[in-house]
């Protein structure tokens, strides 16, 4: 009888090991499924791409030159280069861009936003009787990964800066295009 009982105890211990092995396997599979779900959700989210930069001081920019906004306020996605003044798209997609410029009294500022050398929008901030004032221009553009976008001066202009007048260039990815 004692022998039979020991055999039953051994069988129970073996079954307990089997149950523990199955439980561990199920736990690992659930964990893997959760990780896969998190990775899928992460991949399906829109990447965060947005920048906002400004001029740190009043600058004269010659005809045909890029306006280099040297003070970065935001640069999610690291697409904007404050040394060159150029935004390079990290993803294919639909982007929104805007430029805000301020003129010095008695001087006009004529500027444009370019994409890979093609003008995509333009504006002029006219002198208004010697008044220092500002204007903005905005656009939406399909931009491919690695394409560049910048603000360019269309004539020699003074981009005026003070504590209430900031010249800025900003952009953001609206919709990522997956190809």
N, C-alpha and C. Protein backbone atom coordinates (compact mmCIF):
# COMPACT_ATOMS: atom_id res chain seq x y z
N UNK A 1 0.82 -1.18 0.00
CA UNK A 1 0.00 0.00 0.00
C UNK A 1 0.87 1.26 0.00
N UNK A 2 1.93 1.21 0.82
CA UNK A 2 2.84 2.35 0.89
C UNK A 2 3.51 2.57 -0.46
N UNK A 3 3.85 1.51 -1.15
CA UNK A 3 4.48 1.58 -2.46
C UNK A 3 3.53 2.22 -3.47
N UNK A 4 2.28 1.85 -3.39
CA UNK A 4 1.28 2.40 -4.28
C UNK A 4 1.11 3.89 -4.03
N UNK A 5 1.13 4.29 -2.78
CA UNK A 5 0.98 5.69 -2.41
C UNK A 5 2.17 6.50 -2.92
N UNK A 6 3.38 5.97 -2.79
CA UNK A 6 4.58 6.66 -3.29
C UNK A 6 4.51 6.83 -4.80
N UNK A 7 3.98 5.81 -5.49
CA UNK A 7 3.85 5.90 -6.93
C UNK A 7 2.86 6.98 -7.31
N UNK A 8 1.77 7.07 -6.59
CA UNK A 8 0.75 8.10 -6.85
C UNK A 8 1.34 9.48 -6.60
N UNK A 9 2.11 9.63 -5.53
CA UNK A 9 2.74 10.92 -5.21
C UNK A 9 3.71 11.30 -6.33
N UNK A 10 4.51 10.35 -6.83
CA UNK A 10 5.43 10.61 -7.94
C UNK A 10 4.67 11.04 -9.19
N UNK A 11 3.57 10.35 -9.48
CA UNK A 11 2.76 10.71 -10.65
C UNK A 11 2.18 12.12 -10.50
N UNK A 12 1.74 12.46 -9.31
CA UNK A 12 1.20 13.81 -9.05
C UNK A 12 2.30 14.85 -9.24
N UNK A 13 3.50 14.57 -8.73
CA UNK A 13 4.62 15.50 -8.89
C UNK A 13 4.98 15.67 -10.37
N UNK A 14 4.95 14.56 -11.12
CA UNK A 14 5.22 14.65 -12.56
C UNK A 14 4.15 15.50 -13.25
N UNK A 15 2.90 15.27 -12.88
CA UNK A 15 1.80 16.05 -13.48
C UNK A 15 1.94 17.52 -13.09
N UNK A 16 2.36 17.78 -11.85
CA UNK A 16 2.55 19.16 -11.40
C UNK A 16 3.65 19.84 -12.25
N UNK A 17 4.74 19.12 -12.54
CA UNK A 17 5.80 19.66 -13.39
C UNK A 17 5.26 19.96 -14.79
N UNK A 18 4.42 19.04 -15.31
CA UNK A 18 3.83 19.26 -16.64
C UNK A 18 2.94 20.51 -16.63
N UNK A 19 2.16 20.66 -15.60
CA UNK A 19 1.27 21.83 -15.48
C UNK A 19 2.11 23.11 -15.40
N UNK A 20 3.19 23.09 -14.63
CA UNK A 20 4.06 24.26 -14.50
C UNK A 20 4.71 24.59 -15.85
N UNK A 21 5.14 23.57 -16.58
CA UNK A 21 5.74 23.78 -17.90
C UNK A 21 4.71 24.41 -18.85
N UNK A 22 3.49 23.89 -18.83
CA UNK A 22 2.42 24.44 -19.67
C UNK A 22 2.11 25.87 -19.26
N UNK A 23 2.04 26.14 -17.97
CA UNK A 23 1.75 27.49 -17.48
C UNK A 23 2.83 28.47 -17.91
N UNK A 24 4.09 28.05 -17.82
CA UNK A 24 5.21 28.91 -18.24
C UNK A 24 5.12 29.18 -19.73
N UNK A 25 4.83 28.15 -20.52
CA UNK A 25 4.70 28.31 -21.97
C UNK A 25 3.56 29.26 -22.31
N UNK A 26 2.42 29.11 -21.67
CA UNK A 26 1.27 29.99 -21.91
C UNK A 26 1.63 31.43 -21.53
N UNK A 27 2.29 31.60 -20.40
CA UNK A 27 2.69 32.94 -19.96
C UNK A 27 3.62 33.60 -20.98
N UNK A 28 4.58 32.83 -21.49
CA UNK A 28 5.51 33.37 -22.49
C UNK A 28 4.77 33.72 -23.78
N UNK A 29 3.83 32.89 -24.19
CA UNK A 29 3.06 33.17 -25.41
C UNK A 29 2.21 34.43 -25.24
N UNK A 30 1.58 34.59 -24.11
CA UNK A 30 0.79 35.80 -23.83
C UNK A 30 1.69 37.03 -23.85
N UNK A 31 2.84 36.93 -23.23
CA UNK A 31 3.79 38.04 -23.21
C UNK A 31 4.23 38.39 -24.63
N UNK A 32 4.53 37.39 -25.46
CA UNK A 32 4.92 37.63 -26.84
C UNK A 32 3.79 38.30 -27.63
N UNK A 33 2.55 37.84 -27.39
CA UNK A 33 1.40 38.45 -28.07
C UNK A 33 1.24 39.91 -27.67
N UNK A 34 1.41 40.19 -26.39
CA UNK A 34 1.31 41.58 -25.91
C UNK A 34 2.41 42.44 -26.55
N UNK A 35 3.64 41.94 -26.59
CA UNK A 35 4.74 42.69 -27.21
C UNK A 35 4.48 42.93 -28.69
N UNK A 36 3.97 41.90 -29.39
CA UNK A 36 3.65 42.07 -30.80
C UNK A 36 2.56 43.11 -31.00
N UNK A 37 1.55 43.11 -30.13
CA UNK A 37 0.47 44.09 -30.24
C UNK A 37 1.00 45.50 -30.01
N UNK A 38 1.88 45.67 -29.04
CA UNK A 38 2.47 46.99 -28.76
C UNK A 38 3.31 47.44 -29.94
N UNK A 39 4.12 46.54 -30.50
CA UNK A 39 4.95 46.90 -31.66
C UNK A 39 4.08 47.26 -32.85
N UNK A 40 2.99 46.51 -33.09
CA UNK A 40 2.09 46.83 -34.20
C UNK A 40 1.46 48.20 -33.99
N UNK A 41 1.00 48.45 -32.77
CA UNK A 41 0.37 49.74 -32.47
C UNK A 41 1.39 50.86 -32.67
N UNK A 42 2.61 50.67 -32.22
CA UNK A 42 3.65 51.69 -32.36
C UNK A 42 3.93 51.98 -33.83
N UNK A 43 4.01 50.94 -34.66
CA UNK A 43 4.31 51.12 -36.07
C UNK A 43 3.16 51.82 -36.79
N UNK A 44 1.93 51.65 -36.31
CA UNK A 44 0.80 52.24 -37.00
C UNK A 44 0.57 53.70 -36.59
N UNK A 45 1.22 54.16 -35.54
CA UNK A 45 1.06 55.54 -35.12
C UNK A 45 1.80 56.47 -36.06
N UNK A 46 1.28 57.67 -36.23
CA UNK A 46 1.93 58.68 -37.04
C UNK A 46 3.21 59.12 -36.36
N UNK A 47 4.33 59.11 -37.10
CA UNK A 47 5.57 59.59 -36.48
C UNK A 47 5.44 61.08 -36.16
N UNK A 48 6.10 61.51 -35.12
CA UNK A 48 6.05 62.91 -34.73
C UNK A 48 7.16 63.65 -35.47
N UNK A 49 6.76 64.53 -36.38
CA UNK A 49 7.70 65.34 -37.14
C UNK A 49 7.17 66.77 -37.12
N UNK A 50 7.93 67.65 -36.55
CA UNK A 50 7.54 69.06 -36.53
C UNK A 50 8.72 69.90 -36.07
N UNK A 51 8.83 71.09 -36.66
CA UNK A 51 9.92 71.98 -36.27
C UNK A 51 9.42 73.41 -36.24
N UNK A 52 10.11 74.22 -35.46
CA UNK A 52 9.84 75.65 -35.38
C UNK A 52 11.18 76.31 -35.06
N UNK A 53 11.61 77.22 -35.93
CA UNK A 53 12.89 77.90 -35.73
C UNK A 53 12.69 79.39 -36.00
N UNK A 54 13.58 80.19 -35.42
CA UNK A 54 13.46 81.64 -35.60
C UNK A 54 14.84 82.26 -35.78
N UNK A 55 14.83 83.49 -36.28
CA UNK A 55 16.07 84.26 -36.37
C UNK A 55 16.39 84.81 -34.98
N UNK A 56 17.65 84.79 -34.61
CA UNK A 56 18.05 85.30 -33.30
C UNK A 56 18.28 86.80 -33.32
N UNK A 57 18.49 87.36 -34.52
CA UNK A 57 18.76 88.80 -34.63
C UNK A 57 18.38 89.28 -36.03
N UNK A 58 18.31 90.60 -36.19
CA UNK A 58 18.02 91.19 -37.49
C UNK A 58 19.12 90.79 -38.48
N UNK A 59 18.70 90.38 -39.68
CA UNK A 59 19.67 89.92 -40.68
C UNK A 59 19.30 90.46 -42.05
N UNK A 60 20.31 90.80 -42.81
CA UNK A 60 20.13 91.12 -44.23
C UNK A 60 20.42 89.85 -45.00
N UNK A 61 19.47 89.46 -45.86
CA UNK A 61 19.64 88.25 -46.67
C UNK A 61 19.60 88.68 -48.14
N UNK A 62 20.61 88.33 -48.87
CA UNK A 62 20.72 88.71 -50.28
C UNK A 62 19.79 87.91 -51.17
N UNK A 63 19.50 88.47 -52.33
CA UNK A 63 18.63 87.85 -53.33
C UNK A 63 19.09 86.42 -53.62
N UNK A 64 18.13 85.49 -53.57
CA UNK A 64 18.41 84.10 -53.91
C UNK A 64 19.00 83.26 -52.79
N UNK A 65 19.31 83.87 -51.65
CA UNK A 65 19.89 83.10 -50.54
C UNK A 65 18.80 82.56 -49.62
N UNK A 66 19.14 81.45 -48.98
CA UNK A 66 18.23 80.87 -47.99
C UNK A 66 18.26 81.73 -46.73
N UNK A 67 17.10 81.80 -46.08
CA UNK A 67 17.03 82.46 -44.78
C UNK A 67 17.33 81.36 -43.76
N UNK A 68 18.39 81.56 -42.99
CA UNK A 68 18.81 80.55 -42.02
C UNK A 68 18.27 80.93 -40.65
N UNK A 69 17.26 80.22 -40.23
CA UNK A 69 16.65 80.43 -38.91
C UNK A 69 17.52 79.69 -37.91
N UNK A 70 18.32 80.42 -37.16
CA UNK A 70 19.41 79.83 -36.38
C UNK A 70 19.05 79.40 -34.96
N UNK A 71 17.87 79.76 -34.49
CA UNK A 71 17.47 79.38 -33.14
C UNK A 71 16.32 78.37 -33.23
N UNK A 72 16.59 77.14 -32.84
CA UNK A 72 15.58 76.08 -32.92
C UNK A 72 14.74 76.08 -31.65
N UNK A 73 13.44 76.15 -31.84
CA UNK A 73 12.50 76.10 -30.71
C UNK A 73 12.02 74.66 -30.52
N UNK A 74 11.67 74.02 -31.62
CA UNK A 74 11.22 72.63 -31.63
C UNK A 74 11.80 71.95 -32.85
N UNK A 75 12.22 70.69 -32.68
CA UNK A 75 12.73 69.95 -33.83
C UNK A 75 12.48 68.45 -33.63
N UNK A 76 11.20 68.09 -33.55
CA UNK A 76 10.83 66.68 -33.40
C UNK A 76 11.05 65.97 -34.72
N UNK A 77 11.79 64.90 -34.70
CA UNK A 77 12.12 64.18 -35.91
C UNK A 77 13.45 64.61 -36.50
N UNK A 78 14.05 65.66 -35.91
CA UNK A 78 15.39 66.14 -36.29
C UNK A 78 15.52 66.48 -37.77
N UNK A 79 14.46 67.00 -38.39
CA UNK A 79 14.51 67.30 -39.82
C UNK A 79 15.07 68.67 -40.15
N UNK A 80 15.02 69.61 -39.19
CA UNK A 80 15.47 70.97 -39.48
C UNK A 80 16.94 71.15 -39.10
N UNK A 81 17.71 71.80 -40.00
CA UNK A 81 19.13 72.06 -39.78
C UNK A 81 19.32 73.57 -39.61
N UNK A 82 19.68 74.00 -38.41
CA UNK A 82 19.82 75.43 -38.11
C UNK A 82 21.11 76.03 -38.68
N UNK A 83 21.97 75.22 -39.24
CA UNK A 83 23.18 75.73 -39.89
C UNK A 83 22.89 76.10 -41.35
N UNK A 84 22.06 75.31 -42.01
CA UNK A 84 21.75 75.55 -43.43
C UNK A 84 20.40 76.23 -43.64
N UNK A 85 19.50 76.15 -42.64
CA UNK A 85 18.15 76.69 -42.80
C UNK A 85 17.23 75.78 -43.58
N UNK A 86 17.63 74.52 -43.73
CA UNK A 86 16.89 73.58 -44.58
C UNK A 86 16.23 72.49 -43.73
N UNK A 87 14.97 72.19 -44.06
CA UNK A 87 14.26 71.06 -43.49
C UNK A 87 14.37 69.91 -44.48
N UNK A 88 14.78 68.73 -43.99
CA UNK A 88 14.86 67.52 -44.82
C UNK A 88 13.83 66.53 -44.27
N UNK A 89 12.91 66.14 -45.13
CA UNK A 89 11.80 65.27 -44.70
C UNK A 89 12.29 63.88 -44.31
N UNK A 90 11.97 63.44 -43.09
CA UNK A 90 12.36 62.10 -42.67
C UNK A 90 11.40 61.01 -43.17
N UNK A 91 10.22 61.43 -43.68
CA UNK A 91 9.21 60.48 -44.16
C UNK A 91 8.51 61.06 -45.38
N UNK A 92 7.99 60.18 -46.23
CA UNK A 92 7.09 60.61 -47.30
C UNK A 92 5.80 61.07 -46.64
N UNK A 93 5.19 62.14 -47.16
CA UNK A 93 3.90 62.51 -46.62
C UNK A 93 3.46 63.91 -47.00
N UNK A 94 2.33 64.27 -46.46
CA UNK A 94 1.75 65.60 -46.64
C UNK A 94 2.19 66.46 -45.46
N UNK A 95 2.86 67.57 -45.77
CA UNK A 95 3.42 68.45 -44.75
C UNK A 95 2.78 69.83 -44.83
N UNK A 96 2.74 70.50 -43.71
CA UNK A 96 2.32 71.90 -43.60
C UNK A 96 3.57 72.73 -43.29
N UNK A 97 3.76 73.83 -44.01
CA UNK A 97 4.88 74.74 -43.76
C UNK A 97 4.36 76.17 -43.65
N UNK A 98 5.03 76.95 -42.83
CA UNK A 98 4.70 78.36 -42.70
C UNK A 98 5.96 79.17 -42.43
N UNK A 99 5.98 80.39 -42.95
CA UNK A 99 7.07 81.33 -42.68
C UNK A 99 6.44 82.64 -42.24
N UNK A 100 7.03 83.25 -41.25
CA UNK A 100 6.57 84.53 -40.72
C UNK A 100 7.76 85.48 -40.79
N UNK A 101 7.58 86.61 -41.47
CA UNK A 101 8.69 87.56 -41.62
C UNK A 101 8.26 88.96 -41.20
N UNK A 102 9.25 89.70 -40.73
CA UNK A 102 9.02 91.08 -40.29
C UNK A 102 9.99 91.99 -41.04
N UNK A 103 9.45 93.12 -41.51
CA UNK A 103 10.30 94.06 -42.24
C UNK A 103 10.73 95.21 -41.35
N UNK A 104 11.79 95.83 -41.77
CA UNK A 104 12.27 97.04 -41.12
C UNK A 104 11.53 98.19 -41.81
N UNK A 105 11.15 99.23 -41.05
CA UNK A 105 10.44 100.35 -41.64
C UNK A 105 11.13 100.86 -42.89
N UNK A 106 10.33 101.23 -43.89
CA UNK A 106 10.79 101.74 -45.18
C UNK A 106 11.49 100.69 -46.04
N UNK A 107 11.31 99.41 -45.74
CA UNK A 107 11.93 98.35 -46.55
C UNK A 107 10.93 97.20 -46.72
N UNK A 108 10.87 96.66 -47.95
CA UNK A 108 10.01 95.51 -48.23
C UNK A 108 10.79 94.22 -48.03
N UNK A 109 10.08 93.14 -47.79
CA UNK A 109 10.69 91.81 -47.72
C UNK A 109 9.89 90.90 -48.66
N UNK A 110 10.55 90.38 -49.67
CA UNK A 110 9.93 89.46 -50.63
C UNK A 110 10.59 88.10 -50.42
N UNK A 111 9.77 87.08 -50.13
CA UNK A 111 10.31 85.78 -49.73
C UNK A 111 9.43 84.67 -50.27
N UNK A 112 9.96 83.44 -50.23
CA UNK A 112 9.21 82.28 -50.73
C UNK A 112 9.64 81.03 -49.99
N UNK A 113 8.76 80.04 -50.01
CA UNK A 113 9.10 78.71 -49.53
C UNK A 113 9.36 77.85 -50.76
N UNK A 114 10.50 77.16 -50.75
CA UNK A 114 10.91 76.30 -51.85
C UNK A 114 10.96 74.85 -51.41
N UNK A 115 10.64 73.97 -52.35
CA UNK A 115 10.79 72.53 -52.15
C UNK A 115 11.69 72.01 -53.26
N UNK A 116 12.86 71.54 -52.91
CA UNK A 116 13.83 71.01 -53.87
C UNK A 116 14.02 71.97 -55.05
N UNK A 117 14.12 73.26 -54.76
CA UNK A 117 14.41 74.24 -55.79
C UNK A 117 13.20 74.76 -56.54
N UNK A 118 12.01 74.24 -56.22
CA UNK A 118 10.78 74.69 -56.86
C UNK A 118 9.99 75.56 -55.88
N UNK A 119 9.64 76.76 -56.33
CA UNK A 119 8.84 77.67 -55.50
C UNK A 119 7.46 77.05 -55.26
N UNK A 120 7.05 76.95 -53.98
CA UNK A 120 5.73 76.38 -53.68
C UNK A 120 4.78 77.41 -53.08
N UNK A 121 5.30 78.53 -52.58
CA UNK A 121 4.46 79.65 -52.17
C UNK A 121 5.34 80.87 -51.96
N UNK A 122 4.75 82.04 -52.08
CA UNK A 122 5.53 83.27 -51.95
C UNK A 122 4.67 84.38 -51.37
N UNK A 123 5.33 85.39 -50.82
CA UNK A 123 4.63 86.55 -50.28
C UNK A 123 5.59 87.73 -50.20
N UNK A 124 5.02 88.89 -49.96
CA UNK A 124 5.81 90.11 -49.76
C UNK A 124 5.26 90.85 -48.57
N UNK A 125 6.15 91.29 -47.70
CA UNK A 125 5.78 92.17 -46.60
C UNK A 125 6.19 93.57 -47.04
N UNK A 126 5.18 94.38 -47.44
CA UNK A 126 5.46 95.72 -47.96
C UNK A 126 5.67 96.71 -46.84
N UNK A 127 6.49 97.71 -47.14
CA UNK A 127 6.65 98.83 -46.24
C UNK A 127 5.30 99.53 -46.15
N UNK A 128 4.93 99.88 -44.96
CA UNK A 128 3.65 100.55 -44.75
C UNK A 128 3.92 101.90 -44.11
N UNK A 129 4.49 102.82 -44.89
CA UNK A 129 4.73 104.17 -44.39
C UNK A 129 5.75 104.22 -43.26
N UNK A 130 6.80 103.42 -43.37
CA UNK A 130 7.84 103.43 -42.35
C UNK A 130 7.52 102.62 -41.12
N UNK A 131 6.42 101.87 -41.17
CA UNK A 131 6.01 101.06 -40.02
C UNK A 131 6.69 99.70 -40.08
N UNK A 132 7.20 99.24 -38.97
CA UNK A 132 7.76 97.90 -38.86
C UNK A 132 6.58 96.94 -38.70
N UNK A 133 6.46 95.98 -39.61
CA UNK A 133 5.31 95.07 -39.55
C UNK A 133 5.71 93.68 -40.01
N UNK A 134 4.78 92.74 -39.91
CA UNK A 134 5.06 91.33 -40.20
C UNK A 134 3.95 90.72 -41.05
N UNK A 135 4.28 89.64 -41.74
CA UNK A 135 3.28 88.86 -42.48
C UNK A 135 3.70 87.40 -42.47
N UNK A 136 2.78 86.56 -42.87
CA UNK A 136 3.04 85.12 -42.91
C UNK A 136 2.56 84.54 -44.23
N UNK A 137 3.15 83.43 -44.59
CA UNK A 137 2.69 82.65 -45.73
C UNK A 137 2.73 81.18 -45.32
N UNK A 138 1.75 80.41 -45.78
CA UNK A 138 1.66 78.99 -45.42
C UNK A 138 1.34 78.18 -46.65
N UNK A 139 1.68 76.91 -46.59
CA UNK A 139 1.39 76.00 -47.69
C UNK A 139 1.34 74.56 -47.18
N UNK A 140 0.73 73.73 -47.98
CA UNK A 140 0.72 72.29 -47.74
C UNK A 140 1.34 71.64 -48.97
N UNK A 141 2.23 70.69 -48.76
CA UNK A 141 2.94 70.07 -49.89
C UNK A 141 3.19 68.59 -49.64
N UNK A 142 3.11 67.80 -50.72
CA UNK A 142 3.54 66.40 -50.67
C UNK A 142 5.06 66.42 -50.77
N UNK A 143 5.72 65.82 -49.80
CA UNK A 143 7.18 65.82 -49.75
C UNK A 143 7.65 64.38 -49.59
N UNK A 144 8.58 64.00 -50.42
CA UNK A 144 9.17 62.66 -50.33
C UNK A 144 10.29 62.65 -49.30
N UNK A 145 10.54 61.48 -48.75
CA UNK A 145 11.63 61.31 -47.80
C UNK A 145 12.92 61.82 -48.43
N UNK A 146 13.68 62.59 -47.66
CA UNK A 146 14.97 63.17 -48.04
C UNK A 146 14.85 64.42 -48.92
N UNK A 147 13.63 64.81 -49.32
CA UNK A 147 13.49 66.07 -50.03
C UNK A 147 13.64 67.23 -49.06
N UNK A 148 14.09 68.37 -49.59
CA UNK A 148 14.40 69.52 -48.75
C UNK A 148 13.43 70.67 -49.00
N UNK A 149 13.16 71.42 -47.93
CA UNK A 149 12.28 72.59 -47.98
C UNK A 149 12.95 73.72 -47.22
N UNK A 150 12.86 74.96 -47.75
CA UNK A 150 13.50 76.11 -47.09
C UNK A 150 12.79 77.41 -47.47
N UNK A 151 13.15 78.47 -46.76
CA UNK A 151 12.68 79.82 -47.08
C UNK A 151 13.82 80.53 -47.79
N UNK A 152 13.47 81.24 -48.86
CA UNK A 152 14.49 81.93 -49.65
C UNK A 152 14.08 83.39 -49.85
N UNK A 153 15.05 84.26 -49.77
CA UNK A 153 14.83 85.69 -50.01
C UNK A 153 14.81 85.94 -51.51
N UNK A 154 13.76 86.59 -52.01
CA UNK A 154 13.63 86.83 -53.44
C UNK A 154 14.22 88.17 -53.87
N UNK A 155 14.58 88.99 -52.91
CA UNK A 155 15.36 90.19 -53.17
C UNK A 155 16.17 90.47 -51.91
N UNK A 156 17.17 91.32 -51.99
CA UNK A 156 17.96 91.62 -50.79
C UNK A 156 17.05 92.32 -49.80
N UNK A 157 16.90 91.70 -48.63
CA UNK A 157 15.92 92.18 -47.66
C UNK A 157 16.50 92.15 -46.24
N UNK A 158 15.96 93.04 -45.40
CA UNK A 158 16.31 93.06 -43.99
C UNK A 158 15.17 92.37 -43.24
N UNK A 159 15.49 91.28 -42.58
CA UNK A 159 14.54 90.54 -41.75
C UNK A 159 14.70 91.06 -40.34
N UNK A 160 13.75 91.90 -39.92
CA UNK A 160 13.87 92.64 -38.67
C UNK A 160 13.39 91.80 -37.48
N UNK A 161 14.18 91.83 -36.39
CA UNK A 161 13.85 91.09 -35.17
C UNK A 161 13.91 92.02 -33.97
N UNK A 162 12.90 91.93 -33.12
CA UNK A 162 12.96 92.53 -31.79
C UNK A 162 12.15 91.62 -30.85
N UNK A 163 11.91 92.06 -29.64
CA UNK A 163 11.25 91.17 -28.66
C UNK A 163 9.81 90.85 -29.02
N UNK A 164 9.18 91.66 -29.88
CA UNK A 164 7.79 91.41 -30.27
C UNK A 164 7.64 90.98 -31.72
N UNK A 165 8.73 90.94 -32.45
CA UNK A 165 8.67 90.56 -33.86
C UNK A 165 9.70 89.45 -34.12
N UNK A 166 9.21 88.25 -34.29
CA UNK A 166 10.06 87.11 -34.55
C UNK A 166 9.85 86.64 -35.99
N UNK A 167 10.92 86.38 -36.69
CA UNK A 167 10.88 85.76 -38.00
C UNK A 167 11.00 84.26 -37.78
N UNK A 168 10.02 83.50 -38.25
CA UNK A 168 10.01 82.07 -37.97
C UNK A 168 9.76 81.25 -39.23
N UNK A 169 10.21 80.02 -39.17
CA UNK A 169 9.95 79.01 -40.19
C UNK A 169 9.54 77.76 -39.44
N UNK A 170 8.39 77.18 -39.81
CA UNK A 170 7.88 76.02 -39.09
C UNK A 170 7.25 75.03 -40.08
N UNK A 171 7.21 73.79 -39.66
CA UNK A 171 6.58 72.77 -40.48
C UNK A 171 6.21 71.55 -39.66
N UNK A 172 5.29 70.76 -40.22
CA UNK A 172 4.82 69.58 -39.51
C UNK A 172 4.30 68.55 -40.50
N UNK A 173 4.54 67.29 -40.19
CA UNK A 173 3.97 66.19 -40.97
C UNK A 173 2.50 66.07 -40.61
N UNK A 174 1.63 66.14 -41.61
CA UNK A 174 0.19 65.99 -41.37
C UNK A 174 -0.25 64.54 -41.52
N UNK A 175 0.16 63.94 -42.65
CA UNK A 175 -0.22 62.55 -42.94
C UNK A 175 0.98 61.85 -43.56
N UNK A 176 1.37 60.74 -42.98
CA UNK A 176 2.48 59.96 -43.52
C UNK A 176 1.97 59.10 -44.68
N UNK A 177 2.72 59.08 -45.75
CA UNK A 177 2.38 58.25 -46.89
C UNK A 177 3.29 57.03 -46.85
N UNK A 178 2.68 55.86 -46.71
CA UNK A 178 3.44 54.61 -46.64
C UNK A 178 3.47 54.01 -48.05
N UNK A 179 4.67 53.75 -48.52
CA UNK A 179 4.81 53.16 -49.86
C UNK A 179 5.53 51.85 -49.77
